[in-house]
Amino acid sequence: MKSLELPFATRVRLTGILATAVGLPLAVMNSLGDIYDLVRFSEDELKQIKIEDQGNGKSLFSTLDTFPPKKIEIEDIAAKHLDGYLENNNVFSIADREWVNALRKALK
């Protein structure tokens, strides 16, 4: 079992990445789907999130500091599947290095 503490920004990015996962073996898809269910924001949380369009294809989340990190636990095999998916995903930018590397370290 892996215990993870996910800050708001990590939850936002990870939710978006997992929501678009396609073309994976069923076991991996199921693991990622289970993680997605744990990470995504509840309806009550979504009502609290303030999003400002920056007009350049980017958004600013003004509620970033008001959400405490979310603690989740996932099975070791799910951690392995998520780590492999992150390693082989090509949607990251330089700005993602901090959160994705911290998450990958926690998955080991």
C-alpha atoms as a PDB file:
ATOM      1  CA  MET A   1       0.000   0.000   0.000  1.00  0.00           C
ATOM      2  CA  LYS A   2       1.195   3.503  -0.854  1.00  0.00           C
ATOM      3  CA  SER A   3       0.028   6.562   1.047  1.00  0.00           C
ATOM      4  CA  LEU A   4       0.024   9.753  -0.994  1.00  0.00           C
ATOM      5  CA  GLU A   5      -0.593  13.351  -0.004  1.00  0.00           C
ATOM      6  CA  LEU A   6      -1.695  15.296  -3.058  1.00  0.00           C
ATOM      7  CA  PRO A   7      -1.663  19.101  -3.131  1.00  0.00           C
ATOM      8  CA  PHE A   8      -4.360  20.957  -5.061  1.00  0.00           C
ATOM      9  CA  ALA A   9      -2.215  21.594  -8.157  1.00  0.00           C
ATOM     10  CA  THR A  10      -1.219  17.925  -8.357  1.00  0.00           C
ATOM     11  CA  ARG A  11      -4.864  16.886  -8.147  1.00  0.00           C
ATOM     12  CA  VAL A  12      -5.817  19.290 -10.942  1.00  0.00           C
ATOM     13  CA  ARG A  13      -3.116  18.090 -13.333  1.00  0.00           C
ATOM     14  CA  LEU A  14      -3.399  14.406 -12.427  1.00  0.00           C
ATOM     15  CA  THR A  15      -7.185  14.454 -12.824  1.00  0.00           C
ATOM     16  CA  GLY A  16      -6.845  15.928 -16.304  1.00  0.00           C
ATOM     17  CA  ILE A  17      -4.170  13.462 -17.358  1.00  0.00           C
ATOM     18  CA  LEU A  18      -6.010  10.417 -16.014  1.00  0.00           C
ATOM     19  CA  ALA A  19      -9.342  11.519 -17.499  1.00  0.00           C
ATOM     20  CA  THR A  20      -7.853  11.342 -20.992  1.00  0.00           C
ATOM     21  CA  ALA A  21      -6.064   7.986 -20.646  1.00  0.00           C
ATOM     22  CA  VAL A  22      -6.742   5.746 -23.662  1.00  0.00           C
ATOM     23  CA  GLY A  23      -5.275   2.702 -25.360  1.00  0.00           C
ATOM     24  CA  LEU A  24      -4.021   0.978 -22.223  1.00  0.00           C
ATOM     25  CA  PRO A  25      -4.228  -2.649 -21.110  1.00  0.00           C
ATOM     26  CA  LEU A  26      -7.388  -3.267 -19.094  1.00  0.00           C
ATOM     27  CA  ALA A  27      -5.527  -3.896 -15.810  1.00  0.00           C
ATOM     28  CA  VAL A  28      -3.705  -0.568 -16.134  1.00  0.00           C
ATOM     29  CA  MET A  29      -6.901   1.244 -17.157  1.00  0.00           C
ATOM     30  CA  ASN A  30      -8.704  -0.158 -14.116  1.00  0.00           C
ATOM     31  CA  SER A  31      -5.892   0.911 -11.767  1.00  0.00           C
ATOM     32  CA  LEU A  32      -5.794   4.396 -13.248  1.00  0.00           C
ATOM     33  CA  GLY A  33      -9.588   4.635 -13.089  1.00  0.00           C
ATOM     34  CA  ASP A  34      -9.539   3.734  -9.397  1.00  0.00           C
ATOM     35  CA  ILE A  35      -6.905   6.418  -8.764  1.00  0.00           C
ATOM     36  CA  TYR A  36      -8.912   8.921 -10.803  1.00  0.00           C
ATOM     37  CA  ASP A  37     -11.943   8.243  -8.583  1.00  0.00           C
ATOM     38  CA  LEU A  38      -9.839   8.995  -5.488  1.00  0.00           C
ATOM     39  CA  VAL A  39      -8.136  12.103  -6.887  1.00  0.00           C
ATOM     40  CA  ARG A  40     -10.898  13.929  -8.725  1.00  0.00           C
ATOM     41  CA  PHE A  41     -12.761  16.747  -7.051  1.00  0.00           C
ATOM     42  CA  SER A  42     -16.167  16.167  -5.469  1.00  0.00           C
ATOM     43  CA  GLU A  43     -19.157  18.254  -6.509  1.00  0.00           C
ATOM     44  CA  ASP A  44     -18.823  20.294  -3.297  1.00  0.00           C
ATOM     45  CA  GLU A  45     -15.130  20.916  -3.989  1.00  0.00           C
ATOM     46  CA  LEU A  46     -15.846  21.932  -7.581  1.00  0.00           C
ATOM     47  CA  LYS A  47     -18.271  24.591  -6.336  1.00  0.00           C
ATOM     48  CA  GLN A  48     -15.437  26.146  -4.285  1.00  0.00           C
ATOM     49  CA  ILE A  49     -12.879  26.288  -7.097  1.00  0.00           C
ATOM     50  CA  LYS A  50     -12.498  29.674  -8.761  1.00  0.00           C
ATOM     51  CA  ILE A  51     -11.004  29.564 -12.253  1.00  0.00           C
ATOM     52  CA  GLU A  52      -9.833  32.691 -14.048  1.00  0.00           C
ATOM     53  CA  ASP A  53      -9.127  32.499 -17.799  1.00  0.00           C
ATOM     54  CA  GLN A  54      -5.791  34.162 -18.499  1.00  0.00           C
ATOM     55  CA  GLY A  55      -6.636  34.596 -22.182  1.00  0.00           C
ATOM     56  CA  ASN A  56      -3.540  32.738 -23.384  1.00  0.00           C
ATOM     57  CA  GLY A  57      -4.827  29.189 -23.162  1.00  0.00           C
ATOM     58  CA  LYS A  58      -3.974  29.033 -19.465  1.00  0.00           C
ATOM     59  CA  SER A  59      -6.119  29.275 -16.367  1.00  0.00           C
ATOM     60  CA  LEU A  60      -5.418  30.585 -12.889  1.00  0.00           C
ATOM     61  CA  PHE A  61      -6.935  28.795  -9.915  1.00  0.00           C
ATOM     62  CA  SER A  62      -7.519  31.399  -7.202  1.00  0.00           C
ATOM     63  CA  THR A  63      -8.417  28.695  -4.657  1.00  0.00           C
ATOM     64  CA  LEU A  64      -5.001  27.051  -4.888  1.00  0.00           C
ATOM     65  CA  ASP A  65      -3.984  27.811  -1.298  1.00  0.00           C
ATOM     66  CA  THR A  66      -7.339  27.128   0.357  1.00  0.00           C
ATOM     67  CA  PHE A  67      -7.503  23.406  -0.369  1.00  0.00           C
ATOM     68  CA  PRO A  68      -5.557  21.159   2.004  1.00  0.00           C
ATOM     69  CA  PRO A  69      -3.653  18.274   0.417  1.00  0.00           C
ATOM     70  CA  LYS A  70      -5.795  15.176  -0.109  1.00  0.00           C
ATOM     71  CA  LYS A  71      -4.528  11.962   1.442  1.00  0.00           C
ATOM     72  CA  ILE A  72      -5.189   8.748  -0.477  1.00  0.00           C
ATOM     73  CA  GLU A  73      -3.983   5.167  -0.300  1.00  0.00           C
ATOM     74  CA  ILE A  74      -3.481   2.993  -3.353  1.00  0.00           C
ATOM     75  CA  GLU A  75      -2.359  -0.587  -3.858  1.00  0.00           C
ATOM     76  CA  ASP A  76       1.271  -1.192  -4.815  1.00  0.00           C
ATOM     77  CA  ILE A  77       0.270  -2.462  -8.259  1.00  0.00           C
ATOM     78  CA  ALA A  78      -1.790   0.692  -8.861  1.00  0.00           C
ATOM     79  CA  ALA A  79       1.237   2.788  -7.839  1.00  0.00           C
ATOM     80  CA  LYS A  80       3.349   0.834 -10.327  1.00  0.00           C
ATOM     81  CA  HIS A  81       0.773   1.358 -13.091  1.00  0.00           C
ATOM     82  CA  LEU A  82       0.529   5.100 -12.361  1.00  0.00           C
ATOM     83  CA  ASP A  83       4.301   5.511 -12.268  1.00  0.00           C
ATOM     84  CA  GLY A  84       4.651   3.699 -15.596  1.00  0.00           C
ATOM     85  CA  TYR A  85       1.890   5.772 -17.144  1.00  0.00           C
ATOM     86  CA  LEU A  86       3.495   9.012 -15.968  1.00  0.00           C
ATOM     87  CA  GLU A  87       6.928   7.897 -17.190  1.00  0.00           C
ATOM     88  CA  ASN A  88       5.606   7.149 -20.676  1.00  0.00           C
ATOM     89  CA  ASN A  89       3.230  10.101 -21.020  1.00  0.00           C
ATOM     90  CA  ASN A  90       4.263  12.942 -23.309  1.00  0.00           C
ATOM     91  CA  VAL A  91       1.879  15.653 -22.116  1.00  0.00           C
ATOM     92  CA  PHE A  92       4.221  17.248 -19.590  1.00  0.00           C
ATOM     93  CA  SER A  93       5.870  20.636 -19.807  1.00  0.00           C
ATOM     94  CA  ILE A  94       8.863  22.013 -17.935  1.00  0.00           C
ATOM     95  CA  ALA A  95       6.407  23.574 -15.465  1.00  0.00           C
ATOM     96  CA  ASP A  96       5.186  20.074 -14.500  1.00  0.00           C
ATOM     97  CA  ARG A  97       8.563  18.813 -13.310  1.00  0.00           C
ATOM     98  CA  GLU A  98       8.107  19.715  -9.644  1.00  0.00           C
ATOM     99  CA  TRP A  99       4.753  18.059  -9.043  1.00  0.00           C
ATOM    100  CA  VAL A 100       5.245  15.060 -11.324  1.00  0.00           C
ATOM    101  CA  ASN A 101       8.702  14.234  -9.951  1.00  0.00           C
ATOM    102  CA  ALA A 102       7.438  14.571  -6.361  1.00  0.00           C
ATOM    103  CA  LEU A 103       4.526  12.254  -7.170  1.00  0.00           C
ATOM    104  CA  ARG A 104       6.735   9.708  -8.908  1.00  0.00           C
ATOM    105  CA  LYS A 105       9.102   9.698  -5.914  1.00  0.00           C
ATOM    106  CA  ALA A 106       6.150   9.003  -3.579  1.00  0.00           C
ATOM    107  CA  LEU A 107       5.030   6.112  -5.816  1.00  0.00           C
ATOM    108  CA  LYS A 108       8.355   4.243  -5.445  1.00  0.00           C
END
